[in-house]
N, C-alpha and C. Protein backbone atom coordinates (compact mmCIF):
# COMPACT_ATOMS: atom_id res chain seq x y z
N UNK A 1 -0.43 19.76 0.57
CA UNK A 1 0.55 19.56 1.61
C UNK A 1 1.75 20.46 1.32
N UNK A 2 2.12 21.30 2.25
CA UNK A 2 3.24 22.20 2.02
C UNK A 2 4.56 21.46 2.25
N UNK A 3 5.67 22.14 1.87
CA UNK A 3 6.98 21.48 1.96
C UNK A 3 7.38 21.18 3.39
N UNK A 4 6.89 21.98 4.33
CA UNK A 4 7.20 21.72 5.75
C UNK A 4 6.61 20.38 6.18
N UNK A 5 5.40 20.10 5.74
CA UNK A 5 4.78 18.83 6.08
C UNK A 5 5.54 17.66 5.46
N UNK A 6 6.00 17.82 4.24
CA UNK A 6 6.76 16.75 3.59
C UNK A 6 8.10 16.54 4.30
N UNK A 7 8.73 17.63 4.72
CA UNK A 7 9.99 17.51 5.46
C UNK A 7 9.78 16.83 6.80
N UNK A 8 8.67 17.19 7.46
CA UNK A 8 8.37 16.58 8.75
C UNK A 8 8.10 15.09 8.60
N UNK A 9 7.35 14.73 7.58
CA UNK A 9 7.06 13.31 7.34
C UNK A 9 8.34 12.55 7.00
N UNK A 10 9.20 13.15 6.19
CA UNK A 10 10.47 12.50 5.84
C UNK A 10 11.35 12.32 7.08
N UNK A 11 11.35 13.31 7.96
CA UNK A 11 12.14 13.21 9.19
C UNK A 11 11.59 12.11 10.10
N UNK A 12 10.29 12.04 10.22
CA UNK A 12 9.67 11.00 11.06
C UNK A 12 9.98 9.61 10.51
N UNK A 13 9.88 9.46 9.20
CA UNK A 13 10.19 8.16 8.58
C UNK A 13 11.65 7.80 8.82
N UNK A 14 12.54 8.77 8.68
CA UNK A 14 13.97 8.51 8.89
C UNK A 14 14.25 8.11 10.33
N UNK A 15 13.64 8.80 11.27
CA UNK A 15 13.84 8.47 12.69
C UNK A 15 13.30 7.09 13.00
N UNK A 16 12.12 6.77 12.48
CA UNK A 16 11.55 5.44 12.74
C UNK A 16 12.40 4.33 12.15
N UNK A 17 12.90 4.54 10.95
CA UNK A 17 13.75 3.53 10.33
C UNK A 17 15.07 3.38 11.08
N UNK A 18 15.63 4.49 11.55
CA UNK A 18 16.87 4.42 12.32
C UNK A 18 16.67 3.64 13.61
N UNK A 19 15.58 3.93 14.30
CA UNK A 19 15.28 3.19 15.53
C UNK A 19 15.05 1.71 15.22
N UNK A 20 14.36 1.43 14.12
CA UNK A 20 14.13 0.04 13.72
C UNK A 20 15.41 -0.71 13.42
N UNK A 21 16.34 -0.07 12.71
CA UNK A 21 17.62 -0.71 12.38
C UNK A 21 18.44 -0.95 13.64
N UNK A 22 18.50 0.04 14.52
CA UNK A 22 19.27 -0.12 15.77
C UNK A 22 18.69 -1.24 16.62
N UNK A 23 17.37 -1.27 16.76
CA UNK A 23 16.75 -2.33 17.55
C UNK A 23 16.91 -3.70 16.91
N UNK A 24 16.88 -3.76 15.59
CA UNK A 24 17.08 -5.03 14.89
C UNK A 24 18.49 -5.56 15.13
N UNK A 25 19.48 -4.68 15.03
CA UNK A 25 20.86 -5.10 15.28
C UNK A 25 21.03 -5.57 16.71
N UNK A 26 20.45 -4.85 17.66
CA UNK A 26 20.55 -5.26 19.07
C UNK A 26 19.87 -6.60 19.30
N UNK A 27 18.73 -6.83 18.65
CA UNK A 27 18.04 -8.10 18.84
C UNK A 27 18.79 -9.25 18.18
N UNK A 28 19.30 -9.02 16.97
CA UNK A 28 19.98 -10.09 16.23
C UNK A 28 21.26 -10.53 16.95
N UNK A 29 22.01 -9.59 17.49
CA UNK A 29 23.25 -9.94 18.18
C UNK A 29 23.05 -10.18 19.67
N UNK A 30 22.11 -9.49 20.28
CA UNK A 30 21.92 -9.60 21.72
C UNK A 30 21.27 -10.90 22.17
N UNK A 31 20.28 -11.36 21.43
CA UNK A 31 19.57 -12.57 21.84
C UNK A 31 20.47 -13.80 21.86
N UNK A 32 21.20 -14.12 20.80
CA UNK A 32 22.06 -15.31 20.85
C UNK A 32 23.20 -15.20 21.86
N UNK A 33 23.80 -14.01 21.97
CA UNK A 33 24.92 -13.87 22.92
C UNK A 33 24.44 -13.97 24.36
N UNK A 34 23.25 -13.49 24.64
CA UNK A 34 22.72 -13.63 26.00
C UNK A 34 22.34 -15.08 26.31
N UNK A 35 21.87 -15.80 25.30
CA UNK A 35 21.58 -17.23 25.51
C UNK A 35 22.88 -17.97 25.81
N UNK A 36 23.93 -17.68 25.04
CA UNK A 36 25.22 -18.34 25.28
C UNK A 36 25.79 -17.96 26.65
N UNK A 37 25.66 -16.71 27.04
CA UNK A 37 26.15 -16.28 28.35
C UNK A 37 25.37 -16.96 29.46
N UNK A 38 24.06 -17.06 29.30
CA UNK A 38 23.24 -17.71 30.32
C UNK A 38 23.63 -19.19 30.45
N UNK A 39 23.84 -19.86 29.31
CA UNK A 39 24.25 -21.27 29.36
C UNK A 39 25.63 -21.42 30.00
N UNK A 40 26.51 -20.47 29.75
CA UNK A 40 27.84 -20.50 30.38
C UNK A 40 27.71 -20.42 31.90
N UNK A 41 26.89 -19.52 32.40
CA UNK A 41 26.75 -19.38 33.84
C UNK A 41 25.97 -20.53 34.47
N UNK A 42 25.12 -21.19 33.70
CA UNK A 42 24.43 -22.39 34.21
C UNK A 42 25.42 -23.53 34.38
N UNK A 43 26.31 -23.71 33.40
CA UNK A 43 27.26 -24.82 33.43
C UNK A 43 28.49 -24.54 34.28
N UNK A 44 28.69 -23.31 34.67
CA UNK A 44 29.89 -22.93 35.42
C UNK A 44 29.87 -23.55 36.82
N UNK A 45 30.98 -24.13 37.18
CA UNK A 45 31.12 -24.71 38.52
C UNK A 45 31.45 -23.59 39.51
N UNK A 46 30.73 -23.58 40.59
CA UNK A 46 31.00 -22.57 41.61
C UNK A 46 31.61 -23.23 42.83
N UNK A 47 32.41 -22.45 43.51
CA UNK A 47 33.04 -22.95 44.73
C UNK A 47 32.04 -22.94 45.87
N UNK A 48 32.52 -23.31 47.02
CA UNK A 48 31.65 -23.38 48.19
C UNK A 48 31.44 -22.01 48.83
N UNK A 49 32.22 -21.03 48.44
CA UNK A 49 32.10 -19.71 49.04
C UNK A 49 30.75 -19.09 48.66
N UNK A 50 30.14 -18.47 49.64
CA UNK A 50 28.82 -17.88 49.43
C UNK A 50 28.88 -16.74 48.41
N UNK A 51 30.00 -16.02 48.39
CA UNK A 51 30.12 -14.90 47.45
C UNK A 51 30.15 -15.39 46.01
N UNK A 52 30.84 -16.49 45.73
CA UNK A 52 30.89 -17.01 44.38
C UNK A 52 29.52 -17.51 43.93
N UNK A 53 28.79 -18.15 44.81
CA UNK A 53 27.45 -18.64 44.48
C UNK A 53 26.53 -17.46 44.20
N UNK A 54 26.64 -16.43 45.03
CA UNK A 54 25.81 -15.24 44.84
C UNK A 54 26.12 -14.56 43.51
N UNK A 55 27.40 -14.41 43.18
CA UNK A 55 27.78 -13.74 41.94
C UNK A 55 27.36 -14.54 40.71
N UNK A 56 27.47 -15.87 40.77
CA UNK A 56 27.03 -16.70 39.66
C UNK A 56 25.53 -16.59 39.47
N UNK A 57 24.79 -16.61 40.57
CA UNK A 57 23.33 -16.46 40.51
C UNK A 57 22.96 -15.09 39.95
N UNK A 58 23.67 -14.06 40.38
CA UNK A 58 23.42 -12.71 39.90
C UNK A 58 23.70 -12.60 38.40
N UNK A 59 24.79 -13.18 37.94
CA UNK A 59 25.10 -13.16 36.50
C UNK A 59 24.07 -13.93 35.69
N UNK A 60 23.57 -15.03 36.23
CA UNK A 60 22.52 -15.78 35.55
C UNK A 60 21.28 -14.91 35.37
N UNK A 61 20.88 -14.23 36.43
CA UNK A 61 19.68 -13.40 36.37
C UNK A 61 19.87 -12.22 35.42
N UNK A 62 21.05 -11.62 35.43
CA UNK A 62 21.32 -10.48 34.54
C UNK A 62 21.25 -10.92 33.08
N UNK A 63 21.86 -12.04 32.76
CA UNK A 63 21.84 -12.48 31.36
C UNK A 63 20.44 -12.93 30.94
N UNK A 64 19.68 -13.52 31.85
CA UNK A 64 18.32 -13.94 31.53
C UNK A 64 17.43 -12.72 31.28
N UNK A 65 17.52 -11.71 32.13
CA UNK A 65 16.70 -10.51 31.97
C UNK A 65 17.13 -9.76 30.70
N UNK A 66 18.42 -9.71 30.42
CA UNK A 66 18.89 -9.07 29.20
C UNK A 66 18.39 -9.82 27.97
N UNK A 67 18.35 -11.14 28.03
CA UNK A 67 17.78 -11.93 26.94
C UNK A 67 16.31 -11.57 26.73
N UNK A 68 15.56 -11.47 27.81
CA UNK A 68 14.14 -11.12 27.69
C UNK A 68 13.96 -9.74 27.06
N UNK A 69 14.80 -8.79 27.46
CA UNK A 69 14.71 -7.45 26.88
C UNK A 69 15.00 -7.49 25.39
N UNK A 70 16.05 -8.21 25.00
CA UNK A 70 16.40 -8.31 23.57
C UNK A 70 15.30 -9.02 22.78
N UNK A 71 14.69 -10.01 23.37
CA UNK A 71 13.66 -10.77 22.68
C UNK A 71 12.35 -10.00 22.59
N UNK A 72 12.00 -9.28 23.64
CA UNK A 72 10.72 -8.59 23.68
C UNK A 72 10.73 -7.25 22.97
N UNK A 73 11.84 -6.87 22.37
CA UNK A 73 11.91 -5.63 21.61
C UNK A 73 11.32 -5.82 20.20
N UNK A 74 10.93 -7.04 19.87
CA UNK A 74 10.39 -7.33 18.54
C UNK A 74 9.16 -6.49 18.19
N UNK A 75 8.18 -6.29 19.09
CA UNK A 75 7.05 -5.44 18.72
C UNK A 75 7.46 -4.00 18.38
N UNK A 76 8.47 -3.50 19.05
CA UNK A 76 8.98 -2.17 18.73
C UNK A 76 9.59 -2.15 17.33
N UNK A 77 10.32 -3.20 16.99
CA UNK A 77 10.92 -3.29 15.67
C UNK A 77 9.82 -3.36 14.60
N UNK A 78 8.81 -4.16 14.86
CA UNK A 78 7.71 -4.29 13.90
C UNK A 78 7.00 -2.96 13.69
N UNK A 79 6.74 -2.24 14.75
CA UNK A 79 6.05 -0.95 14.59
C UNK A 79 6.96 0.10 13.96
N UNK A 80 8.27 0.00 14.17
CA UNK A 80 9.18 0.97 13.55
C UNK A 80 9.23 0.80 12.04
N UNK A 81 9.11 -0.43 11.57
CA UNK A 81 9.12 -0.69 10.13
C UNK A 81 7.75 -0.55 9.49
N UNK A 82 6.72 -0.35 10.27
CA UNK A 82 5.37 -0.23 9.73
C UNK A 82 5.12 1.22 9.31
N UNK A 83 5.85 1.62 8.30
CA UNK A 83 5.71 2.95 7.72
C UNK A 83 5.12 2.77 6.34
N UNK A 84 4.34 3.72 5.90
CA UNK A 84 3.69 3.61 4.59
C UNK A 84 4.75 3.36 3.51
N UNK A 85 4.60 2.28 2.79
CA UNK A 85 5.52 1.96 1.72
C UNK A 85 6.57 0.93 2.11
N UNK A 86 6.76 0.66 3.40
CA UNK A 86 7.77 -0.31 3.82
C UNK A 86 7.09 -1.64 4.11
N UNK A 87 6.18 -1.64 5.05
CA UNK A 87 5.36 -2.83 5.31
C UNK A 87 3.94 -2.49 4.89
N UNK A 88 3.43 -3.17 3.92
CA UNK A 88 2.07 -2.89 3.47
C UNK A 88 1.16 -3.97 4.01
N UNK A 89 0.61 -3.72 5.16
CA UNK A 89 -0.31 -4.66 5.76
C UNK A 89 -1.63 -3.94 5.98
N UNK A 90 -2.70 -4.51 5.51
CA UNK A 90 -3.99 -3.89 5.71
C UNK A 90 -4.39 -4.04 7.16
N UNK A 91 -4.66 -2.94 7.75
CA UNK A 91 -5.10 -2.92 9.13
C UNK A 91 -6.58 -2.53 9.12
N UNK A 92 -7.44 -3.43 9.57
CA UNK A 92 -8.87 -3.17 9.48
C UNK A 92 -9.26 -1.97 10.32
N UNK A 93 -8.59 -1.76 11.42
CA UNK A 93 -8.92 -0.62 12.27
C UNK A 93 -8.65 0.69 11.53
N UNK A 94 -7.51 0.79 10.87
CA UNK A 94 -7.19 2.02 10.14
C UNK A 94 -8.07 2.18 8.91
N UNK A 95 -8.47 1.08 8.29
CA UNK A 95 -9.36 1.17 7.15
C UNK A 95 -10.74 1.69 7.56
N UNK A 96 -11.19 1.32 8.71
CA UNK A 96 -12.49 1.80 9.19
C UNK A 96 -12.41 3.29 9.51
N UNK A 97 -11.35 3.71 10.19
CA UNK A 97 -11.24 5.11 10.59
C UNK A 97 -10.92 6.02 9.41
N UNK A 98 -10.31 5.52 8.34
CA UNK A 98 -9.97 6.34 7.20
C UNK A 98 -11.05 6.33 6.12
N UNK A 99 -12.14 5.65 6.36
CA UNK A 99 -13.22 5.57 5.38
C UNK A 99 -13.92 6.92 5.31
N UNK A 100 -14.08 7.45 4.07
CA UNK A 100 -14.70 8.76 3.89
C UNK A 100 -16.22 8.73 4.13
N UNK A 101 -16.82 7.56 4.03
CA UNK A 101 -18.28 7.52 4.19
C UNK A 101 -18.70 7.63 5.65
N UNK A 102 -17.79 7.38 6.57
CA UNK A 102 -18.11 7.50 7.99
C UNK A 102 -17.88 8.94 8.42
N UNK A 103 -18.90 9.53 9.01
CA UNK A 103 -18.79 10.92 9.40
C UNK A 103 -18.76 11.08 10.89
């Protein structure tokens, strides 16, 4: 393996870890704050005006969808940390494809 390949691998690992850390921070802080925001808009009393009801409903939907986005980013975080040497999990699919006896 030449030095270019090692540099490329190191860069890919660094980028994956950076993405993993950023997504982890967003999930750790985003999920609880969106739950609290959603509960705030559920408990909030709205006036009789149609505009206030519409805006409260809109804020509820925005916080709920944002919560789902923060929560569903977990598979991305898991795959970002699944770099050789960080998460050592045997994957049967990769073991089959990396077997030297299969031609």
